[in-house]
Amino acid sequence: MMIEYQAEQLLESYLHQRVELVSCRHVVWNNGALGCPEPGKCTTMALVPGYEILFRCGDEIFSIHTNEHGSHFILATTPPVHLGR
């Protein structure tokens, strides 16, 4: 799937390391924050179809949240990291 490949490339670029795909599942996010709300930041208040994509890098698991079209990729950390695109 193209979305998985794009997420992999963005995460590897951010981490400067190779990652391994663990899983990819279709989700419907509650709003435009894609499951990663940021205090004080406005977002679309509508359901957003997308994907949660998990990658392994060493002993760590990284979760990438994206919309269905792959125009937004967010590394689900605190605070969230917006990756390219």
N, C-alpha and C. Protein backbone atom coordinates (compact mmCIF):
# COMPACT_ATOMS: atom_id res chain seq x y z
N MET A 1 0.84 -1.18 0.00
CA MET A 1 0.00 0.00 0.00
C MET A 1 0.89 1.25 0.00
N MET A 2 0.53 2.21 -0.78
CA MET A 2 1.31 3.43 -0.93
C MET A 2 1.42 4.22 0.38
N ILE A 3 0.33 4.27 1.16
CA ILE A 3 0.33 5.02 2.43
C ILE A 3 1.40 4.47 3.37
N GLU A 4 1.50 3.14 3.47
CA GLU A 4 2.50 2.51 4.33
C GLU A 4 3.91 2.90 3.89
N TYR A 5 4.15 2.87 2.59
CA TYR A 5 5.47 3.22 2.06
C TYR A 5 5.81 4.68 2.37
N GLN A 6 4.85 5.59 2.17
CA GLN A 6 5.09 7.00 2.47
C GLN A 6 5.40 7.20 3.95
N ALA A 7 4.63 6.55 4.82
CA ALA A 7 4.85 6.67 6.26
C ALA A 7 6.23 6.13 6.64
N GLU A 8 6.62 5.01 6.04
CA GLU A 8 7.93 4.41 6.31
C GLU A 8 9.05 5.38 5.91
N GLN A 9 8.96 5.97 4.74
CA GLN A 9 9.98 6.90 4.27
C GLN A 9 10.09 8.13 5.17
N LEU A 10 8.95 8.68 5.57
CA LEU A 10 8.95 9.86 6.44
C LEU A 10 9.54 9.55 7.82
N LEU A 11 9.17 8.39 8.39
CA LEU A 11 9.68 8.02 9.71
C LEU A 11 11.18 7.72 9.65
N GLU A 12 11.63 7.02 8.64
CA GLU A 12 13.06 6.74 8.51
C GLU A 12 13.85 8.03 8.35
N SER A 13 13.31 8.97 7.62
CA SER A 13 13.97 10.27 7.45
C SER A 13 14.04 11.01 8.79
N TYR A 14 12.98 10.94 9.57
CA TYR A 14 12.93 11.62 10.87
C TYR A 14 13.88 10.96 11.88
N LEU A 15 13.90 9.62 11.92
CA LEU A 15 14.72 8.89 12.89
C LEU A 15 16.16 8.68 12.43
N HIS A 16 16.42 8.81 11.14
CA HIS A 16 17.73 8.51 10.53
C HIS A 16 18.10 7.06 10.78
N GLN A 17 17.09 6.18 10.77
CA GLN A 17 17.30 4.74 10.94
C GLN A 17 16.26 3.99 10.13
N ARG A 18 16.57 2.71 9.84
CA ARG A 18 15.61 1.86 9.14
C ARG A 18 14.52 1.43 10.12
N VAL A 19 13.31 1.25 9.61
CA VAL A 19 12.19 0.77 10.43
C VAL A 19 11.55 -0.43 9.75
N GLU A 20 10.79 -1.19 10.52
CA GLU A 20 10.10 -2.38 10.01
C GLU A 20 8.60 -2.21 10.24
N LEU A 21 7.81 -2.43 9.22
CA LEU A 21 6.36 -2.35 9.33
C LEU A 21 5.85 -3.47 10.23
N VAL A 22 5.02 -3.09 11.23
CA VAL A 22 4.42 -4.06 12.14
C VAL A 22 2.96 -4.31 11.75
N SER A 23 2.21 -3.23 11.54
CA SER A 23 0.79 -3.39 11.16
C SER A 23 0.25 -2.08 10.59
N CYS A 24 -0.86 -2.23 9.90
CA CYS A 24 -1.57 -1.07 9.35
C CYS A 24 -3.06 -1.38 9.44
N ARG A 25 -3.81 -0.49 10.08
CA ARG A 25 -5.24 -0.73 10.19
C ARG A 25 -6.02 0.52 9.83
N HIS A 26 -7.14 0.32 9.18
CA HIS A 26 -8.03 1.42 8.81
C HIS A 26 -8.77 1.85 10.07
N VAL A 27 -8.84 3.17 10.30
CA VAL A 27 -9.56 3.72 11.45
C VAL A 27 -10.38 4.92 10.98
N VAL A 28 -11.29 5.36 11.83
CA VAL A 28 -12.01 6.61 11.62
C VAL A 28 -11.70 7.48 12.83
N TRP A 29 -10.90 8.52 12.60
CA TRP A 29 -10.51 9.44 13.67
C TRP A 29 -11.70 10.32 14.04
N ASN A 30 -11.78 10.71 15.31
CA ASN A 30 -12.89 11.54 15.78
C ASN A 30 -12.88 12.96 15.23
N ASN A 31 -11.70 13.43 14.81
CA ASN A 31 -11.58 14.79 14.28
C ASN A 31 -10.28 14.93 13.49
N GLY A 32 -10.02 16.13 13.04
CA GLY A 32 -8.85 16.40 12.20
C GLY A 32 -7.51 16.28 12.90
N ALA A 33 -7.51 16.09 14.24
CA ALA A 33 -6.25 15.90 14.96
C ALA A 33 -5.70 14.48 14.77
N LEU A 34 -6.46 13.63 14.13
CA LEU A 34 -6.06 12.25 13.82
C LEU A 34 -5.62 11.49 15.06
N GLY A 35 -6.34 11.71 16.17
CA GLY A 35 -6.02 11.00 17.41
C GLY A 35 -4.86 11.60 18.18
N CYS A 36 -4.37 12.75 17.76
CA CYS A 36 -3.22 13.40 18.40
C CYS A 36 -3.54 14.86 18.70
N PRO A 37 -4.46 15.12 19.65
CA PRO A 37 -4.83 16.51 19.95
C PRO A 37 -3.66 17.28 20.54
N GLU A 38 -3.63 18.57 20.22
CA GLU A 38 -2.61 19.46 20.76
C GLU A 38 -3.30 20.60 21.48
N PRO A 39 -2.94 20.85 22.75
CA PRO A 39 -3.59 21.92 23.51
C PRO A 39 -3.52 23.26 22.78
N GLY A 40 -4.66 23.94 22.73
CA GLY A 40 -4.72 25.27 22.13
C GLY A 40 -4.75 25.29 20.62
N LYS A 41 -4.75 24.14 19.98
CA LYS A 41 -4.75 24.09 18.52
C LYS A 41 -6.14 23.73 18.02
N CYS A 42 -6.64 24.49 17.07
CA CYS A 42 -7.96 24.22 16.48
C CYS A 42 -7.85 23.08 15.47
N THR A 43 -8.94 22.33 15.33
CA THR A 43 -8.96 21.22 14.39
C THR A 43 -10.36 21.05 13.82
N THR A 44 -10.45 20.35 12.73
CA THR A 44 -11.74 20.04 12.12
C THR A 44 -12.52 19.13 13.05
N MET A 45 -13.78 19.46 13.30
CA MET A 45 -14.63 18.64 14.16
C MET A 45 -15.54 17.77 13.29
N ALA A 46 -14.94 16.82 12.62
CA ALA A 46 -15.67 15.89 11.75
C ALA A 46 -14.92 14.56 11.75
N LEU A 47 -15.63 13.49 11.48
CA LEU A 47 -14.99 12.19 11.39
C LEU A 47 -14.04 12.17 10.19
N VAL A 48 -12.85 11.62 10.40
CA VAL A 48 -11.82 11.59 9.35
C VAL A 48 -11.35 10.15 9.17
N PRO A 49 -11.64 9.52 8.03
CA PRO A 49 -11.13 8.17 7.79
C PRO A 49 -9.62 8.22 7.55
N GLY A 50 -8.94 7.18 8.03
CA GLY A 50 -7.49 7.16 7.86
C GLY A 50 -6.90 5.84 8.30
N TYR A 51 -5.63 5.89 8.71
CA TYR A 51 -4.90 4.68 9.08
C TYR A 51 -4.03 4.93 10.31
N GLU A 52 -3.87 3.87 11.11
CA GLU A 52 -2.84 3.85 12.15
C GLU A 52 -1.83 2.82 11.68
N ILE A 53 -0.58 3.25 11.52
CA ILE A 53 0.47 2.39 10.99
C ILE A 53 1.56 2.26 12.05
N LEU A 54 1.87 1.03 12.44
CA LEU A 54 2.88 0.79 13.47
C LEU A 54 4.17 0.30 12.84
N PHE A 55 5.28 0.86 13.32
CA PHE A 55 6.61 0.47 12.86
C PHE A 55 7.48 0.13 14.06
N ARG A 56 8.43 -0.77 13.85
CA ARG A 56 9.41 -1.11 14.88
C ARG A 56 10.76 -0.57 14.45
N CYS A 57 11.45 0.01 15.44
CA CYS A 57 12.83 0.45 15.24
C CYS A 57 13.58 0.03 16.50
N GLY A 58 14.38 -1.02 16.38
CA GLY A 58 15.03 -1.58 17.57
C GLY A 58 13.96 -2.14 18.50
N ASP A 59 13.98 -1.70 19.75
CA ASP A 59 13.02 -2.17 20.75
C ASP A 59 11.80 -1.26 20.85
N GLU A 60 11.73 -0.21 20.06
CA GLU A 60 10.63 0.75 20.15
C GLU A 60 9.61 0.55 19.05
N ILE A 61 8.35 0.84 19.39
CA ILE A 61 7.25 0.83 18.42
C ILE A 61 6.81 2.26 18.21
N PHE A 62 6.67 2.67 16.96
CA PHE A 62 6.24 4.02 16.61
C PHE A 62 4.90 3.94 15.90
N SER A 63 4.00 4.82 16.27
CA SER A 63 2.66 4.86 15.68
C SER A 63 2.53 6.10 14.81
N ILE A 64 2.21 5.89 13.54
CA ILE A 64 1.96 6.98 12.60
C ILE A 64 0.47 7.03 12.34
N HIS A 65 -0.12 8.21 12.49
CA HIS A 65 -1.54 8.41 12.19
C HIS A 65 -1.63 9.23 10.91
N THR A 66 -2.51 8.85 10.02
CA THR A 66 -2.66 9.56 8.75
C THR A 66 -4.12 9.61 8.34
N ASN A 67 -4.42 10.54 7.46
CA ASN A 67 -5.77 10.55 6.88
C ASN A 67 -5.79 9.57 5.70
N GLU A 68 -6.95 9.32 5.17
CA GLU A 68 -7.12 8.32 4.12
C GLU A 68 -6.33 8.62 2.85
N HIS A 69 -6.12 9.89 2.56
CA HIS A 69 -5.45 10.29 1.32
C HIS A 69 -3.95 10.44 1.46
N GLY A 70 -3.44 10.35 2.69
CA GLY A 70 -2.01 10.48 2.91
C GLY A 70 -1.49 11.89 2.77
N SER A 71 -2.34 12.87 3.00
CA SER A 71 -1.87 14.26 2.92
C SER A 71 -1.39 14.77 4.29
N HIS A 72 -1.65 14.03 5.35
CA HIS A 72 -1.18 14.38 6.69
C HIS A 72 -0.65 13.12 7.39
N PHE A 73 0.57 13.20 7.90
CA PHE A 73 1.18 12.12 8.66
C PHE A 73 1.61 12.68 10.01
N ILE A 74 1.18 12.05 11.09
CA ILE A 74 1.54 12.51 12.43
C ILE A 74 2.17 11.36 13.20
N LEU A 75 3.35 11.61 13.79
CA LEU A 75 3.97 10.65 14.69
C LEU A 75 3.30 10.84 16.04
N ALA A 76 2.63 9.80 16.52
CA ALA A 76 1.82 9.89 17.74
C ALA A 76 2.72 9.83 18.97
N THR A 77 3.30 10.97 19.29
CA THR A 77 4.13 11.14 20.48
C THR A 77 3.56 12.29 21.27
N THR A 78 4.16 12.62 22.41
CA THR A 78 3.72 13.77 23.18
C THR A 78 4.89 14.75 23.25
N PRO A 79 4.81 15.90 22.62
CA PRO A 79 3.74 16.33 21.73
C PRO A 79 3.84 15.62 20.37
N PRO A 80 2.76 15.63 19.60
CA PRO A 80 2.78 15.00 18.28
C PRO A 80 3.80 15.66 17.35
N VAL A 81 4.37 14.87 16.47
CA VAL A 81 5.33 15.38 15.48
C VAL A 81 4.70 15.26 14.10
N HIS A 82 4.55 16.38 13.41
CA HIS A 82 3.99 16.39 12.05
C HIS A 82 5.13 16.08 11.09
N LEU A 83 4.96 15.01 10.35
CA LEU A 83 6.00 14.57 9.40
C LEU A 83 5.63 15.03 8.00
N GLY A 84 6.60 15.58 7.28
CA GLY A 84 6.47 15.99 5.89
C GLY A 84 5.10 16.01 5.24
N ARG A 85 5.06 16.25 3.97
CA ARG A 85 3.90 16.29 3.10
C ARG A 85 3.25 17.63 3.16
